[in-house]
Amino acid sequence: MPQSHPHKSSFIQEDNSKFILIGEDDFDDEEFLTEIFSSIDESFTLKFINNGKKIISYLHDLKDHHLPCLILLDYNMPEMNGADILRELKTTSRYDTIPKVIWSTSKSNMYKDICLELGAIEYVVKPSNVNDLMDVVRHMLSFCKI
C-alpha cells in the first residue's frame, strides 16, 4: 500500500480558502498534481491523503475554520472509494458547502451518476495529457471561492 509522502505544501494554513484536500493513492499522480497546481497558482496549500477512511478521520479532526475550499477524490482509493467517502460526508452538514470533485480513470456513467447523486459537483476523467490536465486543474480551482 502506498504511503503518504510529505510535501512542503502539506501543512494547514489559517486561511482555509486556499486549502485543498486531495484523496490520491498513486504517488505519481500526487507528484503530477502538485506540479500542475503549483504551476497554475502556488498560493494553494495541498494536503494529500492516500486512504478513504483516513480522509474521513482527517476532516473530522479539523476545526470548522480549517476546512478545505475543495475536496478532490480519486474514485478508487483503499478502504473507501470516492462514492463511499461522499456518502459519509453527506451525513455531516458542515461539509455541505465544500465543493467535491471525483477524479477517475473510469468513464463509467454509473460511477459518475452515483457520485453526482452523492454530492460531487463534478466527475472528471483523468486527462491523458498535460494541457488537458492544466485545464481541468484551472476549472477545479475555480470552485474555491476566494
Protein backbone atom coordinates (compact mmCIF):
# COMPACT_ATOMS: atom_id res chain seq x y z
CA MET A 1 0.00 0.00 0.00
CA PRO A 2 1.46 3.40 -0.94
CA GLN A 3 2.50 5.64 1.91
CA SER A 4 1.67 9.30 2.24
CA HIS A 5 4.55 11.45 1.10
CA PRO A 6 5.20 14.77 2.78
CA HIS A 7 5.29 17.90 0.70
CA LYS A 8 6.22 21.37 1.73
CA SER A 9 2.59 22.16 0.92
CA SER A 10 1.10 19.53 3.27
CA PHE A 11 0.58 21.81 6.26
CA ILE A 12 -2.67 23.58 7.08
CA GLN A 13 -2.76 27.35 6.94
CA GLU A 14 -5.08 29.57 8.90
CA ASP A 15 -6.67 30.76 5.65
CA ASN A 16 -8.72 27.73 4.65
CA SER A 17 -9.90 29.38 1.43
CA LYS A 18 -6.56 28.37 -0.13
CA PHE A 19 -6.50 24.80 1.24
CA ILE A 20 -7.36 21.81 -0.99
CA LEU A 21 -7.71 18.26 0.30
CA ILE A 22 -6.80 15.62 -2.28
CA GLY A 23 -7.53 11.92 -1.89
CA GLU A 24 -4.99 10.17 -4.11
CA ASP A 25 -3.24 6.84 -3.54
CA ASP A 26 -0.93 6.92 -6.57
CA PHE A 27 2.33 8.70 -5.80
CA ASP A 28 2.97 9.55 -9.48
CA ASP A 29 -0.45 11.24 -9.73
CA GLU A 30 0.24 13.05 -6.45
CA GLU A 31 3.53 14.42 -7.76
CA PHE A 32 1.95 15.37 -11.07
CA LEU A 33 -0.97 17.16 -9.39
CA THR A 34 1.40 19.00 -7.05
CA GLU A 35 3.39 20.22 -10.04
CA ILE A 36 0.33 21.28 -12.05
CA PHE A 37 -1.46 23.03 -9.15
CA SER A 38 1.67 24.95 -8.19
CA SER A 39 2.39 25.94 -11.81
CA ILE A 40 -1.10 27.47 -12.03
CA ASP A 41 -1.34 29.01 -8.55
CA GLU A 42 1.30 28.26 -5.93
CA SER A 43 -0.66 30.07 -3.21
CA PHE A 44 -2.84 26.99 -2.64
CA THR A 45 -1.94 24.53 0.09
CA LEU A 46 -2.42 20.91 -0.94
CA LYS A 47 -2.93 18.08 1.54
CA PHE A 48 -2.73 14.57 0.11
CA ILE A 49 -4.22 11.56 1.89
CA ASN A 50 -3.95 8.10 0.34
CA ASN A 51 -6.79 6.25 2.09
CA GLY A 52 -10.55 6.84 2.23
CA LYS A 53 -11.00 6.20 5.95
CA LYS A 54 -8.06 8.48 6.73
CA ILE A 55 -9.72 11.25 4.70
CA ILE A 56 -12.88 10.99 6.81
CA SER A 57 -10.86 10.93 10.03
CA TYR A 58 -8.71 13.88 8.93
CA LEU A 59 -11.75 16.01 8.04
CA HIS A 60 -13.49 15.06 11.27
CA ASP A 61 -10.49 16.31 13.27
CA LEU A 62 -10.30 19.71 11.51
CA LYS A 63 -11.73 22.81 13.12
CA ASP A 64 -14.51 24.45 11.10
CA HIS A 65 -12.29 27.40 10.12
CA HIS A 66 -9.65 24.97 8.76
CA LEU A 67 -11.91 23.11 6.33
CA PRO A 68 -10.71 22.96 2.71
CA CYS A 69 -12.15 25.06 -0.10
CA LEU A 70 -12.19 21.95 -2.33
CA ILE A 71 -12.09 18.19 -1.87
CA LEU A 72 -10.69 16.26 -4.83
CA LEU A 73 -11.09 12.49 -4.58
CA ASP A 74 -9.71 9.71 -6.71
CA TYR A 75 -12.60 7.28 -7.21
CA ASN A 76 -10.52 4.18 -6.45
CA MET A 77 -8.95 4.52 -3.02
CA PRO A 78 -8.05 1.95 -0.34
CA GLU A 79 -10.70 1.18 2.34
CA MET A 80 -13.34 3.58 0.94
CA ASN A 81 -13.85 4.61 -2.68
CA GLY A 82 -14.91 8.08 -3.77
CA ALA A 83 -18.62 7.24 -3.60
CA ASP A 84 -18.22 5.82 -0.07
CA ILE A 85 -16.41 8.99 1.04
CA LEU A 86 -19.10 11.22 -0.50
CA ARG A 87 -21.81 9.13 1.20
CA GLU A 88 -20.07 9.57 4.57
CA LEU A 89 -19.50 13.32 4.08
CA LYS A 90 -23.19 13.76 3.23
CA THR A 91 -24.11 12.70 6.79
CA THR A 92 -22.48 15.82 8.28
CA SER A 93 -23.82 19.23 7.27
CA ARG A 94 -20.54 21.08 7.86
CA TYR A 95 -19.22 19.57 4.62
CA ASP A 96 -22.25 20.59 2.52
CA THR A 97 -20.76 23.83 1.19
CA ILE A 98 -17.37 22.35 0.27
CA PRO A 99 -17.22 21.53 -3.46
CA LYS A 100 -16.31 17.88 -4.03
CA VAL A 101 -14.83 16.61 -7.30
CA ILE A 102 -14.31 12.95 -8.18
CA TRP A 103 -11.30 12.23 -10.33
CA SER A 104 -11.06 8.82 -12.00
CA THR A 105 -9.66 6.82 -14.87
CA SER A 106 -13.10 5.22 -15.30
CA LYS A 107 -15.53 6.66 -17.83
CA SER A 108 -18.37 4.70 -16.21
CA ASN A 109 -21.67 6.60 -16.38
CA MET A 110 -22.86 4.53 -13.42
CA TYR A 111 -19.96 5.75 -11.22
CA LYS A 112 -20.48 9.28 -12.46
CA ASP A 113 -24.24 9.25 -11.74
CA ILE A 114 -23.74 7.78 -8.26
CA CYS A 115 -21.09 10.36 -7.35
CA LEU A 116 -23.16 13.28 -8.62
CA GLU A 117 -26.17 11.99 -6.64
CA LEU A 118 -23.98 11.80 -3.53
CA GLY A 119 -22.93 15.43 -3.76
CA ALA A 120 -19.98 15.65 -6.15
CA ILE A 121 -20.20 18.77 -8.29
CA GLU A 122 -18.07 17.16 -11.00
CA TYR A 123 -16.89 13.74 -12.09
CA VAL A 124 -13.68 14.21 -14.07
CA VAL A 125 -11.99 11.51 -16.14
CA LYS A 126 -8.24 11.85 -15.62
CA PRO A 127 -6.79 13.56 -18.70
CA SER A 128 -4.09 11.82 -20.68
CA ASN A 129 -2.02 14.90 -21.49
CA VAL A 130 -0.60 17.87 -19.60
CA ASN A 131 -2.58 20.59 -21.41
CA ASP A 132 -5.91 18.91 -20.65
CA LEU A 133 -4.84 18.35 -17.04
CA MET A 134 -3.94 22.03 -16.70
CA ASP A 135 -7.42 22.95 -17.99
CA VAL A 136 -9.03 20.54 -15.50
CA VAL A 137 -6.99 21.95 -12.60
CA ARG A 138 -7.87 25.53 -13.57
CA HIS A 139 -11.53 24.51 -13.62
CA MET A 140 -11.20 22.84 -10.19
CA LEU A 141 -9.52 25.93 -8.75
CA SER A 142 -12.49 27.99 -9.91
CA PHE A 143 -14.61 26.18 -7.28
CA CYS A 144 -12.51 27.70 -4.50
CA LYS A 145 -14.35 30.91 -3.69
CA ILE A 146 -11.60 33.37 -2.88
